[in-house]
Amino acid sequence: MANDYSQLYQNKNALLFGGHKEARDMEVPVKEGTAASVEVLLRYIYTGRINLSILKSKIVLELLILSSVFSFTNLQLSLSEYLWSKIDVHNVSTLFAVALYYQIKELEVKSFNFINIHALDVVESKDSLSLTPVIIIAY
C-alpha cells in the first residue's frame, strides 16, 4: 500500500507540476476506465481498501487497467490474483489481452497456460473474439 501511495505522489507531481498539459489545465483525464471504476480507485486511494466481491467483473478489470496506468503495483498484484482466482473459458481471452497489452507478466503467463490447456473451449467461447490476430501472432 505504501508503495502505491508513493507512486501516486510521484505521478501526481509529474502531471501537475512537471510542465505537462495537466499542470496548465489542473486536470488529469482518465480515459482507461468508466466513472464507476475511477470512483472505486479514488476510494482505494483514500481508504486503502476495495471490496472486490461486490464489484462487477468489468469494473475489476478496469481497475486492473487503471492500476497499471497509474503504477499502483500492490493493487495491480492483488487484482491480478483476484482475477486469476475467477478465471474461466468465458473471460480468459480478455484477461490475456489486457495482461499482454499492459505487460502484466504473471497474469499473461497464467492466462496463456489456461488457454493452452482449455484451447477448444476457449475458442468456442464468445470471449475469444477479444483475441485479435495481432495478439495471437505476437504470442
Protein backbone atom coordinates (compact mmCIF):
# COMPACT_ATOMS: atom_id res chain seq x y z
CA MET A 1 0.00 0.00 0.00
CA ALA A 2 2.77 2.46 0.89
CA ASN A 3 4.34 1.77 -2.49
CA ASP A 4 1.05 2.68 -4.19
CA TYR A 5 0.89 5.99 -2.31
CA SER A 6 4.49 6.73 -3.24
CA GLN A 7 3.68 6.09 -6.92
CA LEU A 8 0.58 8.28 -6.70
CA TYR A 9 2.62 11.13 -5.23
CA GLN A 10 5.29 10.82 -7.93
CA ASN A 11 2.72 10.57 -10.74
CA LYS A 12 0.69 13.49 -9.38
CA ASN A 13 3.76 15.67 -9.05
CA ALA A 14 4.92 14.82 -12.56
CA LEU A 15 1.48 15.53 -14.02
CA LEU A 16 0.53 18.61 -12.03
CA PHE A 17 3.89 20.29 -11.58
CA GLY A 18 6.04 18.95 -14.41
CA GLY A 19 5.19 21.23 -17.30
CA HIS A 20 2.61 18.85 -18.77
CA LYS A 21 -0.74 19.92 -20.19
CA GLU A 22 -2.33 18.61 -16.98
CA ALA A 23 -0.31 21.13 -14.96
CA ARG A 24 -1.65 24.02 -17.01
CA ASP A 25 -5.24 22.76 -17.03
CA MET A 26 -5.13 21.42 -13.43
CA GLU A 27 -6.99 18.36 -14.65
CA VAL A 28 -5.94 14.77 -15.27
CA PRO A 29 -8.13 12.99 -17.83
CA VAL A 30 -8.72 9.29 -17.20
CA LYS A 31 -9.61 7.51 -20.43
CA GLU A 32 -8.90 3.95 -19.35
CA GLY A 33 -11.91 3.46 -17.09
CA THR A 34 -15.52 4.35 -16.53
CA ALA A 35 -16.71 6.77 -13.87
CA ALA A 36 -17.59 3.77 -11.68
CA SER A 37 -14.08 2.28 -11.79
CA VAL A 38 -12.43 5.66 -11.23
CA GLU A 39 -14.70 6.19 -8.22
CA VAL A 40 -13.62 2.83 -6.78
CA LEU A 41 -9.96 3.73 -7.42
CA LEU A 42 -10.40 7.05 -5.62
CA ARG A 43 -11.97 5.23 -2.65
CA TYR A 44 -8.94 2.91 -2.66
CA ILE A 45 -6.60 5.90 -2.64
CA TYR A 46 -8.38 7.39 0.38
CA THR A 47 -9.15 4.23 2.36
CA GLY A 48 -6.64 1.65 1.14
CA ARG A 49 -9.45 -0.88 0.67
CA ILE A 50 -11.61 -2.33 -2.06
CA ASN A 51 -14.33 -4.93 -1.57
CA LEU A 52 -13.88 -6.84 -4.83
CA SER A 53 -16.67 -9.30 -4.10
CA ILE A 54 -19.36 -6.63 -4.61
CA LEU A 55 -17.96 -5.33 -7.90
CA LYS A 56 -18.88 -6.45 -11.40
CA SER A 57 -16.09 -8.21 -13.24
CA LYS A 58 -15.90 -5.37 -15.79
CA ILE A 59 -15.14 -2.88 -13.02
CA VAL A 60 -12.45 -5.15 -11.55
CA LEU A 61 -10.85 -5.45 -14.99
CA GLU A 62 -10.95 -1.66 -15.44
CA LEU A 63 -9.34 -1.30 -12.00
CA LEU A 64 -6.56 -3.62 -13.15
CA ILE A 65 -6.00 -1.39 -16.18
CA LEU A 66 -6.08 1.78 -14.05
CA SER A 67 -3.66 0.25 -11.54
CA SER A 68 -1.29 -0.44 -14.41
CA VAL A 69 -1.66 3.03 -15.94
CA PHE A 70 -1.09 4.78 -12.59
CA SER A 71 1.57 2.31 -11.39
CA PHE A 72 -0.26 1.04 -8.31
CA THR A 73 1.82 -2.13 -8.15
CA ASN A 74 0.33 -3.53 -4.93
CA LEU A 75 -3.20 -3.02 -6.20
CA GLN A 76 -2.26 -4.49 -9.58
CA LEU A 77 -0.88 -7.61 -7.92
CA SER A 78 -3.97 -8.04 -5.73
CA LEU A 79 -6.32 -7.53 -8.68
CA SER A 80 -4.33 -9.96 -10.84
CA GLU A 81 -4.55 -12.61 -8.13
CA TYR A 82 -8.27 -11.99 -7.67
CA LEU A 83 -8.97 -12.17 -11.41
CA TRP A 84 -6.85 -15.31 -11.68
CA SER A 85 -9.00 -16.94 -9.00
CA LYS A 86 -12.09 -16.17 -11.13
CA ILE A 87 -10.63 -17.26 -14.48
CA ASP A 88 -12.69 -19.43 -16.81
CA VAL A 89 -13.14 -20.03 -20.54
CA HIS A 90 -15.54 -17.08 -20.73
CA ASN A 91 -13.08 -14.43 -19.51
CA VAL A 92 -9.57 -15.78 -20.09
CA SER A 93 -9.17 -14.26 -23.56
CA THR A 94 -9.96 -10.78 -22.28
CA LEU A 95 -7.65 -11.23 -19.29
CA PHE A 96 -4.88 -12.43 -21.57
CA ALA A 97 -5.32 -9.49 -23.96
CA VAL A 98 -5.28 -6.96 -21.10
CA ALA A 99 -2.30 -8.62 -19.41
CA LEU A 100 -0.38 -8.67 -22.68
CA TYR A 101 -1.19 -5.05 -23.57
CA TYR A 102 -0.40 -3.67 -20.11
CA GLN A 103 2.58 -6.00 -19.60
CA ILE A 104 1.23 -7.74 -16.52
CA LYS A 105 3.55 -10.71 -16.95
CA GLU A 106 2.31 -13.12 -14.29
CA LEU A 107 -1.34 -12.81 -15.37
CA GLU A 108 -0.26 -13.02 -19.01
CA VAL A 109 1.60 -16.31 -18.47
CA LYS A 110 -1.14 -17.85 -16.30
CA SER A 111 -3.82 -16.85 -18.82
CA PHE A 112 -1.80 -18.20 -21.72
CA ASN A 113 -1.27 -21.51 -19.93
CA PHE A 114 -5.00 -21.72 -19.17
CA ILE A 115 -5.77 -21.06 -22.85
CA ASN A 116 -3.37 -23.83 -23.88
CA ILE A 117 -4.98 -26.33 -21.53
CA HIS A 118 -8.57 -25.42 -22.45
CA ALA A 119 -7.97 -24.33 -26.06
CA LEU A 120 -11.08 -25.84 -27.67
CA ASP A 121 -13.46 -24.48 -25.02
CA VAL A 122 -11.79 -21.07 -25.11
CA VAL A 123 -12.04 -20.82 -28.91
CA GLU A 124 -15.72 -21.76 -28.73
CA SER A 125 -16.45 -19.01 -26.18
CA LYS A 126 -17.68 -15.57 -27.17
CA ASP A 127 -14.79 -14.04 -25.20
CA SER A 128 -12.28 -15.47 -27.68
CA LEU A 129 -13.28 -12.65 -30.05
CA SER A 130 -11.12 -10.37 -27.90
CA LEU A 131 -8.08 -12.25 -29.20
CA THR A 132 -7.15 -10.22 -32.24
CA PRO A 133 -4.81 -11.66 -34.89
CA VAL A 134 -2.11 -9.29 -33.66
CA ILE A 135 -2.35 -10.72 -30.15
CA ILE A 136 -2.35 -14.30 -31.39
CA ILE A 137 0.65 -13.74 -33.67
CA ALA A 138 2.55 -11.75 -31.02
CA TYR A 139 2.40 -14.61 -28.60
